[in-house]
Amino acid sequence: MKARIYKSTGSWYVAKTADGKLYNARIKGIFKIDEITSTNPLAVGDEVEMEIEDIEEESAMIDHIYDRRNYVARVSPHNKWQHHIIASNLDQSILFATLKDPKTSQGFMDRFLISCEAYHIPAIIVFNKSDLYRKKETEKFAHLKEIYEAVGYRVILTSVQNGEGIEEVKSILDHKTTLLSGHSGVGKSTFINAVFPELDLRTQEVSGWSGKGLHTTTFAEMFDLPGGGQIIDTPGVREFGLVDISKQELSHFFPEMRVLLNQCQFNNCMHINEPGCAVKEAVNTGGVAVDRYVSYLTILDTMDDKKY
């Protein structure tokens, strides 16, 4: 029987069949998937084949996973040589960011976008809590919006408090499988509750003394939307380590750099201090935003020669 993984707790999974029935399922044996070393053999969004063990107990055994169309992964928080697959088989992703309480760094945003680029998953950036913005945050948002829209990303300003941008984001979710990600405390669950109150997700305030969000979502979980489509709510992520990307490949996942790569004098140009570098020239002439170039160099500096 074919099913889709809706929740992963690490050892047990909640799987839903085409007729909408939920089963508590476990894995039969050990899966070796895609030749990758992952901390989680199955992820939310995976399509699987399973055998019903007990209809009354609603339990099942998963014995096959179908090929993934795509997935988003990050470095495991416990072992940088292992991956943690956040979700799979996605139509798009939304990164919830905030410029205040808590502040989302541009480096975090870029790492998330790079991961989506690597697996051809369209990404949208939602800046939430606009009701808290003062002049400094408003100017910063305008600056970031200009940078990311020029690269091709959709950028939306929202406030659950006053309803700003809510309908726009809601329309984007319709009939698609969407990954929702971001730091704890950026308002993912509050947004979902405002738009789809029947899901009744737990929320928690930002920690006052640290300015950081408090974790409320423990495991990734997928929810069916009333009008069609699914959202995948993920635990708040503090750091986002890249996987399967080498130093040489990093610029390929910056769209504004990717279009210039063939114009560099050297085909192995790292865009640092090589002569005839089209990317550096574009930075000097405004074709590549300085902020994005600095972000590229900062991320490059944290990588070694192994693929992350």
Protein backbone atom coordinates (compact mmCIF):
# COMPACT_ATOMS: atom_id res chain seq x y z
CA MET A 1 0.00 0.00 0.00
CA LYS A 2 1.40 3.40 -1.02
CA ALA A 3 1.54 6.18 1.58
CA ARG A 4 3.22 9.49 2.30
CA ILE A 5 5.18 10.35 5.44
CA TYR A 6 3.45 13.13 7.40
CA LYS A 7 5.52 13.06 10.59
CA SER A 8 8.90 11.68 11.60
CA THR A 9 9.91 11.19 15.22
CA GLY A 10 13.16 9.42 14.42
CA SER A 11 12.05 5.85 14.97
CA TRP A 12 8.30 5.92 14.28
CA TYR A 13 6.52 7.63 11.43
CA VAL A 14 3.00 8.79 10.73
CA ALA A 15 2.05 7.76 7.19
CA LYS A 16 -1.12 8.71 5.30
CA THR A 17 -2.64 6.62 2.53
CA ALA A 18 -4.45 7.97 -0.53
CA ASP A 19 -7.82 7.47 1.19
CA GLY A 20 -6.71 9.72 4.06
CA LYS A 21 -6.14 7.04 6.70
CA LEU A 22 -3.23 7.57 9.12
CA TYR A 23 -0.94 4.76 10.28
CA ASN A 24 1.83 4.58 12.85
CA ALA A 25 4.62 2.98 10.84
CA ARG A 26 8.13 1.76 11.39
CA ILE A 27 10.94 0.78 9.04
CA LYS A 28 11.66 -2.79 8.03
CA GLY A 29 15.43 -3.21 8.29
CA ILE A 30 17.85 -0.44 7.27
CA PHE A 31 17.45 1.73 4.19
CA LYS A 32 20.43 2.91 2.22
CA ILE A 33 19.17 5.87 0.25
CA ASP A 34 20.81 7.88 -2.53
CA GLU A 35 24.29 6.91 -1.31
CA ILE A 36 24.10 9.63 1.35
CA THR A 37 24.86 9.40 5.04
CA SER A 38 21.76 10.72 6.73
CA THR A 39 20.71 10.83 10.35
CA ASN A 40 17.15 10.11 9.23
CA PRO A 41 16.48 7.41 6.63
CA LEU A 42 12.96 8.71 6.07
CA ALA A 43 11.81 12.32 5.92
CA VAL A 44 8.47 14.09 5.90
CA GLY A 45 7.19 14.16 2.32
CA ASP A 46 8.68 10.79 1.37
CA GLU A 47 6.48 8.41 -0.57
CA VAL A 48 6.70 4.84 0.68
CA GLU A 49 5.28 1.37 0.26
CA MET A 50 4.06 -0.29 3.45
CA GLU A 51 2.28 -3.37 4.72
CA ILE A 52 -0.55 -3.06 7.21
CA GLU A 53 0.29 -4.97 10.38
CA ASP A 54 -2.78 -4.29 12.49
CA ILE A 55 -5.83 -2.46 11.14
CA GLU A 56 -7.36 -1.88 14.58
CA GLU A 57 -4.08 -0.59 16.02
CA GLU A 58 -3.47 1.33 12.78
CA SER A 59 0.11 0.11 12.58
CA ALA A 60 2.18 -0.65 9.48
CA MET A 61 5.65 -1.70 8.33
CA ILE A 62 7.48 0.39 5.70
CA ASP A 63 9.44 -1.80 3.30
CA HIS A 64 10.20 0.53 0.37
CA ILE A 65 10.85 4.21 -0.30
CA TYR A 66 10.22 5.69 -3.73
CA ASP A 67 12.83 7.91 -5.38
CA ARG A 68 12.77 11.48 -4.12
CA ARG A 69 12.02 14.26 -6.59
CA ASN A 70 14.06 16.62 -4.40
CA TYR A 71 14.82 17.36 -0.79
CA VAL A 72 16.24 20.03 1.52
CA ALA A 73 19.01 18.91 3.85
CA ARG A 74 21.26 20.54 6.40
CA VAL A 75 24.34 19.44 8.28
CA SER A 76 23.40 17.34 11.29
CA PRO A 77 23.70 19.39 14.51
CA HIS A 78 25.48 16.39 16.07
CA ASN A 79 27.89 15.37 13.29
CA LYS A 80 29.04 17.70 10.52
CA TRP A 81 29.81 14.75 8.23
CA GLN A 82 26.20 13.57 8.37
CA HIS A 83 23.12 15.08 6.77
CA HIS A 84 19.73 15.68 8.24
CA ILE A 85 17.03 15.67 5.58
CA ILE A 86 14.43 18.25 6.55
CA ALA A 87 11.73 17.35 4.00
CA SER A 88 11.34 15.89 0.52
CA ASN A 89 9.22 16.06 -2.64
CA LEU A 90 8.59 19.79 -2.39
CA ASP A 91 7.03 22.26 -4.81
CA GLN A 92 8.48 25.29 -3.01
CA SER A 93 9.88 26.58 0.26
CA ILE A 94 9.18 29.65 2.36
CA LEU A 95 11.81 31.08 4.66
CA PHE A 96 10.29 33.09 7.49
CA ALA A 97 12.68 35.84 8.55
CA THR A 98 12.43 38.76 10.95
CA LEU A 99 14.45 41.94 11.38
CA LYS A 100 13.55 42.26 15.05
CA ASP A 101 12.73 39.88 17.93
CA PRO A 102 14.61 37.77 16.82
CA LYS A 103 16.79 39.12 14.02
CA THR A 104 17.52 36.80 11.11
CA SER A 105 21.04 37.18 9.73
CA GLN A 106 21.62 37.48 6.02
CA GLY A 107 24.12 34.63 6.24
CA PHE A 108 21.40 32.31 7.53
CA MET A 109 19.04 33.41 4.76
CA ASP A 110 21.67 32.85 2.08
CA ARG A 111 22.57 29.39 3.35
CA PHE A 112 18.92 28.37 3.20
CA LEU A 113 18.54 29.79 -0.32
CA ILE A 114 21.70 28.00 -1.47
CA SER A 115 20.27 24.68 -0.25
CA CYS A 116 17.06 25.31 -2.18
CA GLU A 117 19.01 26.30 -5.32
CA ALA A 118 21.04 23.10 -5.08
CA TYR A 119 17.88 21.00 -5.42
CA HIS A 120 15.93 23.33 -7.76
CA ILE A 121 13.30 24.19 -5.16
CA PRO A 122 11.75 27.66 -5.66
CA ALA A 123 12.21 29.75 -2.51
CA ILE A 124 10.19 32.69 -1.18
CA ILE A 125 11.32 34.98 1.65
CA VAL A 126 8.65 36.20 4.08
CA PHE A 127 9.73 38.97 6.45
CA ASN A 128 7.35 38.77 9.39
CA LYS A 129 6.50 41.05 12.34
CA SER A 130 6.37 44.25 10.28
CA ASP A 131 4.28 45.80 13.09
CA LEU A 132 7.46 45.87 15.20
CA TYR A 133 9.56 47.62 12.55
CA ARG A 134 10.74 51.17 13.11
CA LYS A 135 12.67 53.35 10.67
CA LYS A 136 15.87 51.26 10.87
CA GLU A 137 14.08 47.96 10.19
CA THR A 138 11.90 49.48 7.47
CA GLU A 139 14.97 50.77 5.63
CA LYS A 140 16.75 47.43 6.07
CA PHE A 141 13.75 45.56 4.66
CA ALA A 142 13.63 47.85 1.60
CA HIS A 143 17.34 47.22 1.06
CA LEU A 144 17.02 43.43 1.33
CA LYS A 145 13.88 43.35 -0.81
CA GLU A 146 15.70 45.17 -3.59
CA ILE A 147 18.68 42.78 -3.40
CA TYR A 148 16.70 39.54 -3.40
CA GLU A 149 14.05 40.53 -5.92
CA ALA A 150 16.82 41.55 -8.32
CA VAL A 151 18.17 38.00 -8.03
CA GLY A 152 14.74 36.51 -8.75
CA TYR A 153 13.34 35.69 -5.31
CA ARG A 154 9.87 36.71 -4.24
CA VAL A 155 9.93 38.81 -1.05
CA ILE A 156 6.82 39.46 1.05
CA LEU A 157 6.31 41.62 4.14
CA THR A 158 3.83 40.29 6.68
CA SER A 159 2.38 40.96 10.08
CA VAL A 160 0.03 38.47 11.67
CA GLN A 161 -0.82 41.18 14.20
CA ASN A 162 -2.36 43.55 11.64
CA GLY A 163 -3.04 41.10 8.80
CA GLU A 164 -0.51 42.55 6.38
CA GLY A 165 0.56 40.19 3.58
CA ILE A 166 -1.35 37.22 4.98
CA GLU A 167 -3.62 36.67 1.98
CA GLU A 168 -0.67 36.92 -0.41
CA VAL A 169 1.19 34.14 1.39
CA LYS A 170 -1.98 32.07 1.70
CA SER A 171 -2.51 32.22 -2.07
CA ILE A 172 1.06 30.97 -2.64
CA LEU A 173 0.37 27.85 -0.57
CA ASP A 174 -2.68 26.77 -2.57
CA HIS A 175 -2.40 23.25 -4.05
CA LYS A 176 1.35 23.00 -3.44
CA THR A 177 3.60 21.18 -0.99
CA THR A 178 5.49 23.92 0.82
CA LEU A 179 8.29 23.71 3.34
CA LEU A 180 8.14 26.41 6.03
CA SER A 181 11.43 27.14 7.76
CA GLY A 182 13.15 29.77 9.87
CA HIS A 183 14.57 30.49 13.31
CA SER A 184 12.43 29.75 16.37
CA GLY A 185 10.31 32.74 17.26
CA VAL A 186 9.95 34.20 13.74
CA GLY A 187 6.21 33.49 13.76
CA LYS A 188 5.79 30.41 11.56
CA SER A 189 3.31 28.68 13.85
CA THR A 190 1.53 31.95 14.67
CA PHE A 191 1.12 32.59 10.95
CA ILE A 192 -0.21 29.07 10.33
CA ASN A 193 -2.70 29.39 13.19
CA ALA A 194 -3.91 32.75 11.89
CA VAL A 195 -4.48 31.42 8.37
CA PHE A 196 -5.55 27.86 9.25
CA PRO A 197 -6.85 27.93 12.85
CA GLU A 198 -8.14 24.36 12.56
CA LEU A 199 -4.51 23.12 12.64
CA ASP A 200 -4.05 24.62 16.14
CA LEU A 201 -0.24 24.59 16.26
CA ARG A 202 1.59 25.36 19.49
CA THR A 203 3.32 28.71 19.70
CA GLN A 204 5.65 30.31 22.19
CA GLU A 205 7.03 33.79 22.72
CA VAL A 206 10.59 34.86 22.09
CA SER A 207 12.87 34.52 25.11
CA GLY A 208 13.15 38.03 26.56
CA TRP A 209 16.66 37.82 27.96
CA SER A 210 18.29 36.25 24.89
CA GLY A 211 16.15 37.60 22.06
CA LYS A 212 16.06 34.07 20.66
CA GLY A 213 13.03 32.00 19.87
CA LEU A 214 12.00 29.10 22.06
CA HIS A 215 11.52 25.74 20.37
CA THR A 216 7.91 24.63 20.06
CA THR A 217 7.91 22.32 17.02
CA THR A 218 9.92 19.24 17.99
CA PHE A 219 9.58 17.28 14.74
CA ALA A 220 8.87 18.20 11.14
CA GLU A 221 5.21 17.58 10.37
CA MET A 222 3.05 17.90 7.28
CA PHE A 223 -0.50 19.23 7.34
CA ASP A 224 -3.17 19.10 4.65
CA LEU A 225 -4.61 22.51 3.79
CA PRO A 226 -8.38 22.94 3.57
CA GLY A 227 -8.32 24.13 -0.04
CA GLY A 228 -5.75 21.60 -1.22
CA GLY A 229 -1.99 21.32 -0.82
CA GLN A 230 0.23 20.69 2.17
CA ILE A 231 2.54 22.67 4.42
CA ILE A 232 5.48 21.17 6.26
CA ASP A 233 6.17 22.89 9.57
CA THR A 234 9.73 22.40 10.78
CA PRO A 235 11.50 22.86 14.10
CA GLY A 236 13.09 26.27 14.50
CA VAL A 237 16.61 26.13 13.08
CA ARG A 238 19.42 28.05 14.81
CA GLU A 239 22.11 27.27 12.24
CA PHE A 240 21.90 26.01 8.66
CA GLY A 241 24.98 24.06 7.57
CA LEU A 242 25.31 23.30 3.86
CA VAL A 243 25.58 19.76 2.52
CA ASP A 244 26.82 18.27 -0.76
CA ILE A 245 28.38 21.55 -1.90
CA SER A 246 32.10 22.09 -2.50
CA LYS A 247 33.95 25.39 -2.43
CA GLN A 248 34.28 25.25 -6.22
CA GLU A 249 30.51 24.85 -6.63
CA LEU A 250 29.33 27.46 -4.15
CA SER A 251 29.02 30.35 -6.64
CA HIS A 252 26.79 28.15 -8.84
CA PHE A 253 24.04 28.52 -6.25
CA PHE A 254 24.08 32.32 -6.26
CA PRO A 255 21.86 33.00 -9.31
CA GLU A 256 23.44 36.39 -9.99
CA MET A 257 26.91 34.79 -10.04
CA ARG A 258 25.86 31.70 -11.97
CA VAL A 259 24.98 33.74 -15.07
CA LEU A 260 28.49 35.25 -15.08
CA LEU A 261 30.63 32.14 -14.58
CA ASN A 262 31.36 31.59 -18.29
CA GLN A 263 32.66 35.14 -18.56
CA CYS A 264 35.46 34.67 -16.02
CA GLN A 265 38.96 34.35 -17.49
CA PHE A 266 39.57 31.08 -15.65
CA ASN A 267 37.03 28.26 -15.55
CA ASN A 268 38.03 27.43 -11.96
CA CYS A 269 37.73 31.04 -10.78
CA MET A 270 36.80 31.36 -7.11
CA HIS A 271 35.96 35.10 -7.51
CA ILE A 272 38.38 36.24 -4.82
CA ASN A 273 41.42 37.91 -6.39
CA GLU A 274 41.84 36.18 -9.76
CA PRO A 275 42.42 38.38 -12.84
CA GLY A 276 39.59 38.67 -15.35
CA CYS A 277 36.87 37.74 -12.85
CA ALA A 278 33.41 38.67 -14.16
CA VAL A 279 31.84 38.34 -10.71
CA LYS A 280 34.26 40.81 -9.10
CA GLU A 281 33.70 43.19 -12.00
CA ALA A 282 29.93 42.90 -11.46
CA VAL A 283 30.38 43.68 -7.76
CA ASN A 284 32.30 46.84 -8.70
CA THR A 285 29.66 47.95 -11.21
CA GLY A 286 26.60 47.06 -9.11
CA GLY A 287 25.52 43.94 -11.02
CA VAL A 288 26.13 41.79 -7.94
CA ALA A 289 25.12 43.26 -4.57
CA VAL A 290 28.05 43.83 -2.21
CA ASP A 291 26.06 42.23 0.64
CA ARG A 292 25.61 39.03 -1.34
CA TYR A 293 29.26 38.94 -2.38
CA VAL A 294 30.38 39.40 1.24
CA SER A 295 27.99 36.61 2.22
CA TYR A 296 29.54 34.38 -0.48
CA LEU A 297 33.06 35.04 0.84
CA THR A 298 31.99 34.46 4.45
CA ILE A 299 30.35 31.12 3.62
CA LEU A 300 33.33 30.11 1.46
CA ASP A 301 35.63 30.82 4.39
CA THR A 302 33.73 28.39 6.61
CA MET A 303 34.00 25.50 4.13
CA ASP A 304 36.87 23.09 3.68
CA ASP A 305 37.69 21.11 0.55
CA LYS A 306 35.28 18.30 1.39
CA LYS A 307 31.71 18.48 0.23
CA TYR A 308 29.37 19.58 3.00
